[in-house]
Amino acid sequence: MPIEVRISEPLLVDELVTAFLRNGCVAQRGSDDSCLVVHVHAAHAKEARQELAFFVRAWQLQHPAVSAVVTP
């Protein structure tokens, strides 16, 4: 099941999608300010959500002005 990641800076969605793809996820732009991500190596939905949330927090370190929300 895809997990939506919504960010406050729509211009960076493609960059975030690329980061997910480089790290073994399936990802695509969902809307102007979001992307849909599948963590194919997660054992279950809870693990996928936790790992994607961790990944997004790490990505935000490079983009401190950007807020993000990970939703199931």
C-alpha atoms as a PDB file:
ATOM      1  CA  MET A   1       0.000   0.000   0.000  1.00  0.00           C
ATOM      2  CA  PRO A   2       1.431   3.413  -0.940  1.00  0.00           C
ATOM      3  CA  ILE A   3       2.241   5.902   1.769  1.00  0.00           C
ATOM      4  CA  GLU A   4       1.739   9.576   1.019  1.00  0.00           C
ATOM      5  CA  VAL A   5       4.443  12.078   1.902  1.00  0.00           C
ATOM      6  CA  ARG A   6       3.302  15.693   1.740  1.00  0.00           C
ATOM      7  CA  ILE A   7       5.841  18.529   1.932  1.00  0.00           C
ATOM      8  CA  SER A   8       5.526  22.285   2.314  1.00  0.00           C
ATOM      9  CA  GLU A   9       7.715  23.070  -0.716  1.00  0.00           C
ATOM     10  CA  PRO A  10       6.172  21.710  -3.943  1.00  0.00           C
ATOM     11  CA  LEU A  11       9.317  22.513  -5.946  1.00  0.00           C
ATOM     12  CA  LEU A  12      11.201  19.823  -3.980  1.00  0.00           C
ATOM     13  CA  VAL A  13       8.774  16.936  -4.530  1.00  0.00           C
ATOM     14  CA  ASP A  14      10.699  15.617  -7.554  1.00  0.00           C
ATOM     15  CA  GLU A  15      13.942  15.739  -5.562  1.00  0.00           C
ATOM     16  CA  LEU A  16      12.316  13.755  -2.753  1.00  0.00           C
ATOM     17  CA  VAL A  17      10.944  11.190  -5.229  1.00  0.00           C
ATOM     18  CA  THR A  18      14.448  10.772  -6.663  1.00  0.00           C
ATOM     19  CA  ALA A  19      15.876  10.250  -3.178  1.00  0.00           C
ATOM     20  CA  PHE A  20      13.306   7.512  -2.476  1.00  0.00           C
ATOM     21  CA  LEU A  21      14.066   5.832  -5.817  1.00  0.00           C
ATOM     22  CA  ARG A  22      17.827   5.897  -5.146  1.00  0.00           C
ATOM     23  CA  ASN A  23      17.180   4.136  -1.856  1.00  0.00           C
ATOM     24  CA  GLY A  24      15.204   1.204  -3.238  1.00  0.00           C
ATOM     25  CA  CYS A  25      11.645   2.462  -2.863  1.00  0.00           C
ATOM     26  CA  VAL A  26       8.998   2.804  -5.538  1.00  0.00           C
ATOM     27  CA  ALA A  27       7.908   6.436  -5.628  1.00  0.00           C
ATOM     28  CA  GLN A  28       6.035   8.854  -7.831  1.00  0.00           C
ATOM     29  CA  ARG A  29       4.619  12.344  -7.598  1.00  0.00           C
ATOM     30  CA  GLY A  30       1.109  12.256  -6.162  1.00  0.00           C
ATOM     31  CA  SER A  31       0.078  15.906  -6.423  1.00  0.00           C
ATOM     32  CA  ASP A  32       1.711  19.323  -6.449  1.00  0.00           C
ATOM     33  CA  ASP A  33       2.984  18.912  -2.896  1.00  0.00           C
ATOM     34  CA  SER A  34       3.106  15.152  -2.339  1.00  0.00           C
ATOM     35  CA  CYS A  35       4.472  11.846  -3.480  1.00  0.00           C
ATOM     36  CA  LEU A  36       3.336   8.258  -3.056  1.00  0.00           C
ATOM     37  CA  VAL A  37       5.918   5.776  -1.821  1.00  0.00           C
ATOM     38  CA  VAL A  38       6.060   1.996  -1.442  1.00  0.00           C
ATOM     39  CA  HIS A  39       8.831   0.574   0.724  1.00  0.00           C
ATOM     40  CA  VAL A  40       9.227  -2.772  -1.035  1.00  0.00           C
ATOM     41  CA  HIS A  41      11.625  -4.242   1.544  1.00  0.00           C
ATOM     42  CA  ALA A  42       9.490  -3.607   4.627  1.00  0.00           C
ATOM     43  CA  ALA A  43       8.070  -6.681   6.336  1.00  0.00           C
ATOM     44  CA  HIS A  44       4.728  -5.006   7.103  1.00  0.00           C
ATOM     45  CA  ALA A  45       2.872  -1.698   6.879  1.00  0.00           C
ATOM     46  CA  LYS A  46       3.961  -0.445  10.311  1.00  0.00           C
ATOM     47  CA  GLU A  47       7.638  -1.016   9.488  1.00  0.00           C
ATOM     48  CA  ALA A  48       7.223   0.718   6.115  1.00  0.00           C
ATOM     49  CA  ARG A  49       5.656   3.782   7.707  1.00  0.00           C
ATOM     50  CA  GLN A  50       8.291   3.991  10.461  1.00  0.00           C
ATOM     51  CA  GLU A  51      11.208   3.649   8.045  1.00  0.00           C
ATOM     52  CA  LEU A  52       9.759   6.147   5.578  1.00  0.00           C
ATOM     53  CA  ALA A  53       9.147   8.630   8.398  1.00  0.00           C
ATOM     54  CA  PHE A  54      12.761   8.195   9.505  1.00  0.00           C
ATOM     55  CA  PHE A  55      13.967   8.663   5.911  1.00  0.00           C
ATOM     56  CA  VAL A  56      11.911  11.845   5.524  1.00  0.00           C
ATOM     57  CA  ARG A  57      13.306  13.263   8.776  1.00  0.00           C
ATOM     58  CA  ALA A  58      16.846  12.587   7.507  1.00  0.00           C
ATOM     59  CA  TRP A  59      16.001  14.226   4.152  1.00  0.00           C
ATOM     60  CA  GLN A  60      14.678  17.251   6.038  1.00  0.00           C
ATOM     61  CA  LEU A  61      18.109  17.776   7.616  1.00  0.00           C
ATOM     62  CA  GLN A  62      19.226  18.865   4.147  1.00  0.00           C
ATOM     63  CA  HIS A  63      16.085  21.017   3.803  1.00  0.00           C
ATOM     64  CA  PRO A  64      15.456  22.507   7.255  1.00  0.00           C
ATOM     65  CA  ALA A  65      12.835  24.993   6.058  1.00  0.00           C
ATOM     66  CA  VAL A  66      10.635  22.227   4.621  1.00  0.00           C
ATOM     67  CA  SER A  67       7.955  20.607   6.746  1.00  0.00           C
ATOM     68  CA  ALA A  68       6.720  17.115   5.921  1.00  0.00           C
ATOM     69  CA  VAL A  69       3.866  14.832   6.864  1.00  0.00           C
ATOM     70  CA  VAL A  70       3.879  11.054   6.309  1.00  0.00           C
ATOM     71  CA  THR A  71       0.386   9.574   6.117  1.00  0.00           C
ATOM     72  CA  PRO A  72      -0.679   5.959   5.721  1.00  0.00           C
END
